[in-house]
Amino acid sequence: MRWNEEVLLLREEMRRVLTFLEWRASWWVGQAGRESLVSPAHAEGLQAYGHRQASVQRALLVSFKSKWCQVNEYISSGKGMSDAEADAQDVDIDSDNETA
């Protein structure tokens, strides 16, 4: 039972991390597009910084997805949870998470 609980918590945390990274990338893009009372050069720098930070968040997302791609396979391998349980509770870490 503890294994199953930990698996559920792990999958939920992975889902939340991926969702947060997607949200954060979008947030940075929004920050880059904000208008402010600064010089054109300064505004260009702020825009570049925002887009760079969005790129960093997306790179983290891709990195985590690649590191976590085998987690569901490992869990389903019979170590503490049946295949039916794993399928019923499966979190697809490869899908795009659109909710925050």
Protein backbone atom coordinates (compact mmCIF):
# COMPACT_ATOMS: atom_id res chain seq x y z
CA MET A 1 0.00 0.00 0.00
CA ARG A 2 2.85 2.42 0.76
CA TRP A 3 4.43 1.67 -2.63
CA ASN A 4 1.15 2.48 -4.37
CA GLU A 5 0.78 5.69 -2.42
CA GLU A 6 4.33 6.75 -3.28
CA VAL A 7 3.72 5.95 -6.94
CA LEU A 8 0.61 8.11 -6.95
CA LEU A 9 2.48 10.97 -5.28
CA LEU A 10 5.41 10.65 -7.68
CA ARG A 11 3.21 10.70 -10.77
CA GLU A 12 1.26 13.69 -9.50
CA GLU A 13 4.42 15.59 -8.67
CA MET A 14 5.88 14.86 -12.11
CA ARG A 15 2.66 16.08 -13.74
CA ARG A 16 2.66 19.25 -11.66
CA VAL A 17 6.31 20.02 -12.40
CA LEU A 18 5.75 19.69 -16.15
CA THR A 19 2.59 21.82 -15.97
CA PHE A 20 4.41 24.47 -13.95
CA LEU A 21 7.34 24.62 -16.38
CA GLU A 22 4.95 25.12 -19.31
CA TRP A 23 3.10 27.83 -17.40
CA ARG A 24 6.33 29.52 -16.39
CA ALA A 25 7.61 29.59 -19.99
CA SER A 26 4.35 31.24 -21.08
CA TRP A 27 4.60 33.67 -18.19
CA TRP A 28 8.09 34.74 -19.25
CA VAL A 29 6.91 35.30 -22.83
CA GLY A 30 4.16 37.50 -21.43
CA GLN A 31 6.68 39.40 -19.34
CA ALA A 32 8.83 39.95 -22.41
CA GLY A 33 5.91 41.57 -24.20
CA ARG A 34 4.98 43.96 -21.41
CA GLU A 35 5.22 47.58 -22.24
CA SER A 36 7.12 49.78 -19.86
CA LEU A 37 8.45 53.29 -19.75
CA VAL A 38 12.03 52.53 -20.68
CA SER A 39 14.30 53.33 -23.58
CA PRO A 40 13.93 51.24 -26.75
CA ALA A 41 17.30 49.58 -26.09
CA HIS A 42 16.30 48.71 -22.54
CA ALA A 43 12.92 47.38 -23.76
CA GLU A 44 14.73 45.22 -26.31
CA GLY A 45 16.98 43.84 -23.58
CA LEU A 46 14.01 43.07 -21.33
CA GLN A 47 12.27 41.32 -24.22
CA ALA A 48 15.38 39.24 -24.98
CA TYR A 49 15.73 38.33 -21.31
CA GLY A 50 12.09 37.22 -21.08
CA HIS A 51 12.39 35.04 -24.17
CA ARG A 52 15.64 33.55 -22.90
CA GLN A 53 14.04 32.67 -19.57
CA ALA A 54 11.11 31.06 -21.43
CA SER A 55 13.64 29.02 -23.39
CA VAL A 56 15.31 27.89 -20.16
CA GLN A 57 11.95 26.74 -18.77
CA ARG A 58 11.18 24.82 -21.97
CA ALA A 59 14.62 23.20 -21.88
CA LEU A 60 13.97 22.05 -18.32
CA LEU A 61 10.63 20.64 -19.43
CA VAL A 62 12.25 18.64 -22.24
CA SER A 63 15.02 17.46 -19.93
CA PHE A 64 12.61 16.26 -17.26
CA LYS A 65 10.41 14.51 -19.83
CA SER A 66 13.43 12.64 -21.20
CA LYS A 67 14.63 11.69 -17.71
CA TRP A 68 11.16 10.57 -16.65
CA CYS A 69 10.11 8.76 -19.85
CA GLN A 70 10.84 5.34 -18.37
CA VAL A 71 9.23 5.89 -14.97
CA ASN A 72 5.83 4.50 -16.00
CA GLU A 73 7.53 1.51 -17.62
CA TYR A 74 9.51 0.84 -14.43
CA ILE A 75 6.42 1.15 -12.26
CA SER A 76 4.42 -1.14 -14.56
CA SER A 77 7.17 -3.76 -14.52
CA GLY A 78 5.50 -5.44 -11.56
CA LYS A 79 7.38 -3.85 -8.71
CA GLY A 80 4.54 -3.24 -6.26
CA MET A 81 1.66 -2.47 -8.58
CA SER A 82 -0.24 -4.63 -11.04
CA ASP A 83 -0.39 -3.61 -14.71
CA ALA A 84 -4.12 -2.92 -14.37
CA GLU A 85 -3.48 -0.59 -11.42
CA ALA A 86 -0.67 1.13 -13.28
CA ASP A 87 -2.82 1.58 -16.39
CA ALA A 88 -5.71 2.95 -14.34
CA GLN A 89 -3.45 5.49 -12.63
CA ASP A 90 -1.15 6.21 -15.57
CA VAL A 91 -0.01 9.79 -16.01
CA ASP A 92 1.24 10.47 -19.51
CA ILE A 93 4.36 12.55 -18.97
CA ASP A 94 4.84 12.82 -22.72
CA SER A 95 1.58 14.70 -23.34
CA ASP A 96 1.36 18.45 -23.25
CA ASN A 97 0.04 19.72 -19.93
CA GLU A 98 -2.20 22.69 -20.57
CA THR A 99 -3.64 23.31 -17.13
CA ALA A 100 -1.87 25.14 -14.34
